[in-house]
Amino acid sequence: MQTYEEQLFETLNLESQLIENAHFIECTFSHCNFFEMKIKNCVFDRCTFRSCTCAGTDFKYTDLKNNDFHHCSLVGISWDELKTKNGITLPFTAFENCVLKYNYFVKLKLNQFSFQGNVMEECYFEDCRMEKTNFQGCQLKNTKFAKNNLAFSDFRDARDYMIDVQTNKVKNARFSYPEAVNLLTGLGIILD
C-alpha cells in the first residue's frame, strides 16, 4: 500500500479513474474534482478537503477517519459505508459551508455534531444517534429524517426539513416558527 503523509494535492481533476491501495494521512486536497471515480482499498485519515467536488464516486473497502470538509460539494455519498470497521470514529469531523446532495447517513453516532450553515439537499438520516446535533441555519431541502434520536438538537433557522415526529425522538429539540409547522405534516393535520 502506497502511503502519503502531510502532502498537498492541488487542482486535481480526476474523472473515471481508479485510486487503489493508498493510505493518505493528514493530507490536504485543495480545489480538486473527483467525478465517477473508483476508490478501492484506501484509507483517508485526518485529511482536509478544501473547495473540492466529489460526485458519483464508488468507494470499495475504503475507510475515512476524522476528515474535514470546507467549501466542498459532495454528491451521492453513503457515509455509513465509509466509517471504520469498529465504528468508533466517524468518516468526518467537520463540514463547513458545504453542499451535500443525495448523501446518506445511516446508523451513525452524530451526537453533538454540527452541520450548522451547510446546504443539504435530498439527504437521508436513518437510525442515527443525534442528540444535541446542530442544524442551525441549514437549508435542508427535502432532507428526510427517520427513526433518529434528535433529542435536544437545534433546528432553529433551518429550512425545508422533513421530520416525522412519530418515528423520530424530538424531545427538547429546538425549532423556529414558521418552519416548525412542517412537523405537523406527518400527523395528518391540515392547516388552513
C-alpha atoms as a PDB file:
ATOM      1  CA  MET A   1       0.000   0.000   0.000  1.00  0.00           C
ATOM      2  CA  GLN A   2       1.360   3.415  -1.018  1.00  0.00           C
ATOM      3  CA  THR A   3       1.414   5.908   1.894  1.00  0.00           C
ATOM      4  CA  TYR A   4       1.167   9.699   1.567  1.00  0.00           C
ATOM      5  CA  GLU A   5       1.724  11.798   4.701  1.00  0.00           C
ATOM      6  CA  GLU A   6       1.125  15.525   5.111  1.00  0.00           C
ATOM      7  CA  GLN A   7       1.113  16.106   1.354  1.00  0.00           C
ATOM      8  CA  LEU A   8      -0.722  18.837  -0.508  1.00  0.00           C
ATOM      9  CA  PHE A   9      -2.730  17.853  -3.592  1.00  0.00           C
ATOM     10  CA  GLU A  10      -3.937  20.875  -5.585  1.00  0.00           C
ATOM     11  CA  THR A  11      -6.225  21.296  -8.590  1.00  0.00           C
ATOM     12  CA  LEU A  12      -6.516  17.602  -9.377  1.00  0.00           C
ATOM     13  CA  ASN A  13      -9.219  16.896 -11.947  1.00  0.00           C
ATOM     14  CA  LEU A  14      -9.816  13.169 -11.945  1.00  0.00           C
ATOM     15  CA  GLU A  15     -12.626  11.501 -13.838  1.00  0.00           C
ATOM     16  CA  SER A  16     -13.435   7.812 -14.313  1.00  0.00           C
ATOM     17  CA  GLN A  17     -10.125   6.703 -12.816  1.00  0.00           C
ATOM     18  CA  LEU A  18      -9.138   4.148 -10.194  1.00  0.00           C
ATOM     19  CA  ILE A  19      -7.309   5.009  -6.984  1.00  0.00           C
ATOM     20  CA  GLU A  20      -6.307   1.792  -5.266  1.00  0.00           C
ATOM     21  CA  ASN A  21      -4.275   0.640  -2.256  1.00  0.00           C
ATOM     22  CA  ALA A  22      -3.367   4.105  -0.964  1.00  0.00           C
ATOM     23  CA  HIS A  23      -3.152   5.479   2.570  1.00  0.00           C
ATOM     24  CA  PHE A  24      -3.490   9.265   2.942  1.00  0.00           C
ATOM     25  CA  ILE A  25      -2.536  10.619   6.385  1.00  0.00           C
ATOM     26  CA  GLU A  26      -3.047  14.297   7.265  1.00  0.00           C
ATOM     27  CA  CYS A  27      -3.030  15.285   3.598  1.00  0.00           C
ATOM     28  CA  THR A  28      -4.715  18.380   2.190  1.00  0.00           C
ATOM     29  CA  PHE A  29      -6.756  18.297  -1.009  1.00  0.00           C
ATOM     30  CA  SER A  30      -7.406  21.786  -2.385  1.00  0.00           C
ATOM     31  CA  HIS A  31      -9.605  22.644  -5.388  1.00  0.00           C
ATOM     32  CA  CYS A  32      -9.743  19.003  -6.503  1.00  0.00           C
ATOM     33  CA  ASN A  33     -12.512  17.344  -8.521  1.00  0.00           C
ATOM     34  CA  PHE A  34     -13.335  13.651  -8.325  1.00  0.00           C
ATOM     35  CA  PHE A  35     -16.004  12.545 -10.819  1.00  0.00           C
ATOM     36  CA  GLU A  36     -17.194   8.969 -11.363  1.00  0.00           C
ATOM     37  CA  MET A  37     -14.095   7.659  -9.600  1.00  0.00           C
ATOM     38  CA  LYS A  38     -13.470   4.196  -8.203  1.00  0.00           C
ATOM     39  CA  ILE A  39     -11.632   4.339  -4.887  1.00  0.00           C
ATOM     40  CA  LYS A  40     -10.723   0.880  -3.668  1.00  0.00           C
ATOM     41  CA  ASN A  41      -8.912  -0.365  -0.563  1.00  0.00           C
ATOM     42  CA  CYS A  42      -7.830   3.111   0.567  1.00  0.00           C
ATOM     43  CA  VAL A  43      -7.649   4.993   3.854  1.00  0.00           C
ATOM     44  CA  PHE A  44      -8.117   8.746   4.309  1.00  0.00           C
ATOM     45  CA  ASP A  45      -7.053   9.594   7.863  1.00  0.00           C
ATOM     46  CA  ARG A  46      -7.310  13.150   9.257  1.00  0.00           C
ATOM     47  CA  CYS A  47      -7.255  14.737   5.804  1.00  0.00           C
ATOM     48  CA  THR A  48      -8.588  18.178   4.908  1.00  0.00           C
ATOM     49  CA  PHE A  49     -10.619  18.828   1.763  1.00  0.00           C
ATOM     50  CA  ARG A  50     -10.964  22.478   0.675  1.00  0.00           C
ATOM     51  CA  SER A  51     -13.140  23.606  -2.235  1.00  0.00           C
ATOM     52  CA  CYS A  52     -13.337  20.068  -3.625  1.00  0.00           C
ATOM     53  CA  THR A  53     -16.093  18.298  -5.540  1.00  0.00           C
ATOM     54  CA  CYS A  54     -16.809  14.594  -5.235  1.00  0.00           C
ATOM     55  CA  ALA A  55     -19.660  13.195  -7.344  1.00  0.00           C
ATOM     56  CA  GLY A  56     -20.589   9.719  -8.483  1.00  0.00           C
ATOM     57  CA  THR A  57     -17.619   8.137  -6.740  1.00  0.00           C
ATOM     58  CA  ASP A  58     -17.722   4.436  -5.890  1.00  0.00           C
ATOM     59  CA  PHE A  59     -15.904   3.549  -2.664  1.00  0.00           C
ATOM     60  CA  LYS A  60     -14.992  -0.115  -2.030  1.00  0.00           C
ATOM     61  CA  TYR A  61     -13.184  -1.390   1.074  1.00  0.00           C
ATOM     62  CA  THR A  62     -12.239   2.194   1.913  1.00  0.00           C
ATOM     63  CA  ASP A  63     -12.124   3.837   5.347  1.00  0.00           C
ATOM     64  CA  LEU A  64     -12.420   7.530   6.078  1.00  0.00           C
ATOM     65  CA  LYS A  65     -11.421   8.673   9.568  1.00  0.00           C
ATOM     66  CA  ASN A  66     -11.736  12.161  11.047  1.00  0.00           C
ATOM     67  CA  ASN A  67     -11.632  14.178   7.814  1.00  0.00           C
ATOM     68  CA  ASP A  68     -12.600  17.865   7.495  1.00  0.00           C
ATOM     69  CA  PHE A  69     -14.548  19.291   4.541  1.00  0.00           C
ATOM     70  CA  HIS A  70     -14.590  23.050   3.846  1.00  0.00           C
ATOM     71  CA  HIS A  71     -16.488  24.686   0.951  1.00  0.00           C
ATOM     72  CA  CYS A  72     -16.930  21.291  -0.745  1.00  0.00           C
ATOM     73  CA  SER A  73     -19.671  19.845  -2.926  1.00  0.00           C
ATOM     74  CA  LEU A  74     -20.347  16.206  -2.035  1.00  0.00           C
ATOM     75  CA  VAL A  75     -22.852  14.275  -4.130  1.00  0.00           C
ATOM     76  CA  GLY A  76     -24.191  10.752  -3.608  1.00  0.00           C
ATOM     77  CA  ILE A  77     -22.084   9.590  -0.652  1.00  0.00           C
ATOM     78  CA  SER A  78     -23.217   6.856   1.753  1.00  0.00           C
ATOM     79  CA  TRP A  79     -21.248   7.850   4.845  1.00  0.00           C
ATOM     80  CA  ASP A  80     -22.164   4.721   6.779  1.00  0.00           C
ATOM     81  CA  GLU A  81     -20.224   2.645   4.244  1.00  0.00           C
ATOM     82  CA  LEU A  82     -17.094   4.715   4.891  1.00  0.00           C
ATOM     83  CA  LYS A  83     -16.914   4.506   8.664  1.00  0.00           C
ATOM     84  CA  THR A  84     -14.191   2.413  10.254  1.00  0.00           C
ATOM     85  CA  LYS A  85     -14.989  -1.207  10.911  1.00  0.00           C
ATOM     86  CA  ASN A  86     -15.032  -0.685  14.687  1.00  0.00           C
ATOM     87  CA  GLY A  87     -17.412   2.250  14.246  1.00  0.00           C
ATOM     88  CA  ILE A  88     -15.592   4.316  16.869  1.00  0.00           C
ATOM     89  CA  THR A  89     -14.526   7.172  14.590  1.00  0.00           C
ATOM     90  CA  LEU A  90     -16.662   8.986  12.053  1.00  0.00           C
ATOM     91  CA  PRO A  91     -15.547   9.489   8.457  1.00  0.00           C
ATOM     92  CA  PHE A  92     -15.777  13.249   9.074  1.00  0.00           C
ATOM     93  CA  THR A  93     -15.157  15.713  11.881  1.00  0.00           C
ATOM     94  CA  ALA A  94     -16.416  18.870  10.174  1.00  0.00           C
ATOM     95  CA  PHE A  95     -18.484  20.177   7.290  1.00  0.00           C
ATOM     96  CA  GLU A  96     -18.089  23.926   6.856  1.00  0.00           C
ATOM     97  CA  ASN A  97     -20.023  25.808   4.170  1.00  0.00           C
ATOM     98  CA  CYS A  98     -20.513  22.615   2.170  1.00  0.00           C
ATOM     99  CA  VAL A  99     -23.223  21.477  -0.217  1.00  0.00           C
ATOM    100  CA  LEU A 100     -24.269  17.865   0.323  1.00  0.00           C
ATOM    101  CA  LYS A 101     -26.696  16.319  -2.179  1.00  0.00           C
ATOM    102  CA  TYR A 102     -28.127  12.801  -2.028  1.00  0.00           C
ATOM    103  CA  ASN A 103     -25.945  11.868   0.959  1.00  0.00           C
ATOM    104  CA  TYR A 104     -26.941   9.002   3.256  1.00  0.00           C
ATOM    105  CA  PHE A 105     -26.290   8.894   6.986  1.00  0.00           C
ATOM    106  CA  VAL A 106     -27.414   5.536   8.406  1.00  0.00           C
ATOM    107  CA  LYS A 107     -26.712   4.157  11.890  1.00  0.00           C
ATOM    108  CA  LEU A 108     -24.088   6.776  12.718  1.00  0.00           C
ATOM    109  CA  LYS A 109     -23.320   8.292  16.122  1.00  0.00           C
ATOM    110  CA  LEU A 110     -23.627  12.001  15.432  1.00  0.00           C
ATOM    111  CA  ASN A 111     -24.213  13.255  18.974  1.00  0.00           C
ATOM    112  CA  GLN A 112     -23.241  16.928  19.329  1.00  0.00           C
ATOM    113  CA  PHE A 113     -22.086  17.128  15.697  1.00  0.00           C
ATOM    114  CA  SER A 114     -22.538  20.480  13.942  1.00  0.00           C
ATOM    115  CA  PHE A 115     -23.952  20.695  10.431  1.00  0.00           C
ATOM    116  CA  GLN A 116     -24.608  24.402  11.034  1.00  0.00           C
ATOM    117  CA  GLY A 117     -24.811  26.581   7.930  1.00  0.00           C
ATOM    118  CA  ASN A 118     -24.443  23.812   5.343  1.00  0.00           C
ATOM    119  CA  VAL A 119     -26.786  23.122   2.438  1.00  0.00           C
ATOM    120  CA  MET A 120     -28.142  19.582   2.426  1.00  0.00           C
ATOM    121  CA  GLU A 121     -30.429  18.632  -0.453  1.00  0.00           C
ATOM    122  CA  GLU A 122     -32.345  15.366  -0.551  1.00  0.00           C
ATOM    123  CA  CYS A 123     -30.159  13.774   2.101  1.00  0.00           C
ATOM    124  CA  TYR A 124     -31.367  10.968   4.334  1.00  0.00           C
ATOM    125  CA  PHE A 125     -30.759  10.294   8.023  1.00  0.00           C
ATOM    126  CA  GLU A 126     -31.919   6.954   9.415  1.00  0.00           C
ATOM    127  CA  ASP A 127     -31.439   5.268  12.770  1.00  0.00           C
ATOM    128  CA  CYS A 128     -28.748   7.744  13.871  1.00  0.00           C
ATOM    129  CA  ARG A 129     -27.950   8.910  17.376  1.00  0.00           C
ATOM    130  CA  MET A 130     -28.126  12.669  17.001  1.00  0.00           C
ATOM    131  CA  GLU A 131     -28.682  14.102  20.465  1.00  0.00           C
ATOM    132  CA  LYS A 132     -27.633  17.753  20.634  1.00  0.00           C
ATOM    133  CA  THR A 133     -26.809  17.857  16.913  1.00  0.00           C
ATOM    134  CA  ASN A 134     -26.703  21.363  15.439  1.00  0.00           C
ATOM    135  CA  PHE A 135     -28.587  22.091  12.200  1.00  0.00           C
ATOM    136  CA  GLN A 136     -28.928  25.842  12.827  1.00  0.00           C
ATOM    137  CA  GLY A 137     -29.347  27.819   9.629  1.00  0.00           C
ATOM    138  CA  CYS A 138     -29.162  24.760   7.373  1.00  0.00           C
ATOM    139  CA  GLN A 139     -31.009  24.601   4.088  1.00  0.00           C
ATOM    140  CA  LEU A 140     -32.390  21.036   4.271  1.00  0.00           C
ATOM    141  CA  LYS A 141     -34.390  20.855   1.047  1.00  0.00           C
ATOM    142  CA  ASN A 142     -36.269  17.534   1.022  1.00  0.00           C
ATOM    143  CA  THR A 143     -33.877  16.062   3.598  1.00  0.00           C
ATOM    144  CA  LYS A 144     -35.642  13.250   5.443  1.00  0.00           C
ATOM    145  CA  PHE A 145     -35.179  12.012   8.983  1.00  0.00           C
ATOM    146  CA  ALA A 146     -36.428   8.534  10.003  1.00  0.00           C
ATOM    147  CA  LYS A 147     -36.008   6.675  13.312  1.00  0.00           C
ATOM    148  CA  ASN A 148     -33.367   9.041  14.725  1.00  0.00           C
ATOM    149  CA  ASN A 149     -32.855  10.329  18.232  1.00  0.00           C
ATOM    150  CA  LEU A 150     -32.927  14.101  17.730  1.00  0.00           C
ATOM    151  CA  ALA A 151     -33.405  14.985  21.409  1.00  0.00           C
ATOM    152  CA  PHE A 152     -32.011  18.420  22.295  1.00  0.00           C
ATOM    153  CA  SER A 153     -30.974  19.004  18.649  1.00  0.00           C
ATOM    154  CA  ASP A 154     -31.104  22.527  17.267  1.00  0.00           C
ATOM    155  CA  PHE A 155     -33.035  23.237  14.054  1.00  0.00           C
ATOM    156  CA  ARG A 156     -33.505  26.974  14.631  1.00  0.00           C
ATOM    157  CA  ASP A 157     -33.476  28.898  11.352  1.00  0.00           C
ATOM    158  CA  ALA A 158     -33.174  25.612   9.408  1.00  0.00           C
ATOM    159  CA  ARG A 159     -35.477  25.313   6.403  1.00  0.00           C
ATOM    160  CA  ASP A 160     -37.304  22.680   4.354  1.00  0.00           C
ATOM    161  CA  TYR A 161     -36.646  19.663   6.595  1.00  0.00           C
ATOM    162  CA  MET A 162     -38.890  16.588   6.622  1.00  0.00           C
ATOM    163  CA  ILE A 163     -39.013  15.168  10.144  1.00  0.00           C
ATOM    164  CA  ASP A 164     -41.642  12.591  11.039  1.00  0.00           C
ATOM    165  CA  VAL A 165     -42.351  13.252  14.714  1.00  0.00           C
ATOM    166  CA  GLN A 166     -43.897   9.787  15.051  1.00  0.00           C
ATOM    167  CA  THR A 167     -40.708   7.900  14.156  1.00  0.00           C
ATOM    168  CA  ASN A 168     -38.061  10.357  15.410  1.00  0.00           C
ATOM    169  CA  LYS A 169     -37.417  11.293  19.030  1.00  0.00           C
ATOM    170  CA  VAL A 170     -37.630  15.079  19.152  1.00  0.00           C
ATOM    171  CA  LYS A 171     -37.999  15.787  22.868  1.00  0.00           C
ATOM    172  CA  ASN A 172     -36.437  19.149  23.761  1.00  0.00           C
ATOM    173  CA  ALA A 173     -35.309  19.746  20.165  1.00  0.00           C
ATOM    174  CA  ARG A 174     -35.415  23.408  19.146  1.00  0.00           C
ATOM    175  CA  PHE A 175     -37.223  24.686  16.058  1.00  0.00           C
ATOM    176  CA  SER A 176     -38.129  28.112  14.656  1.00  0.00           C
ATOM    177  CA  TYR A 177     -41.519  29.337  13.573  1.00  0.00           C
ATOM    178  CA  PRO A 178     -42.914  29.253  10.878  1.00  0.00           C
ATOM    179  CA  GLU A 179     -40.790  26.329   9.655  1.00  0.00           C
ATOM    180  CA  ALA A 180     -41.807  24.226  12.689  1.00  0.00           C
ATOM    181  CA  VAL A 181     -45.282  23.909  11.148  1.00  0.00           C
ATOM    182  CA  ASN A 182     -43.720  21.267   8.838  1.00  0.00           C
ATOM    183  CA  LEU A 183     -43.557  18.946  11.851  1.00  0.00           C
ATOM    184  CA  LEU A 184     -47.341  18.587  11.675  1.00  0.00           C
ATOM    185  CA  THR A 185     -47.253  17.036   8.189  1.00  0.00           C
ATOM    186  CA  GLY A 186     -46.575  13.509   9.452  1.00  0.00           C
ATOM    187  CA  LEU A 187     -49.527  13.735  11.837  1.00  0.00           C
ATOM    188  CA  GLY A 188     -52.077  14.165   9.048  1.00  0.00           C
ATOM    189  CA  ILE A 189     -53.074  17.606  10.286  1.00  0.00           C
ATOM    190  CA  ILE A 190     -54.436  20.045   7.723  1.00  0.00           C
ATOM    191  CA  LEU A 191     -53.795  23.736   8.326  1.00  0.00           C
ATOM    192  CA  ASP A 192     -55.899  26.384   6.589  1.00  0.00           C
END
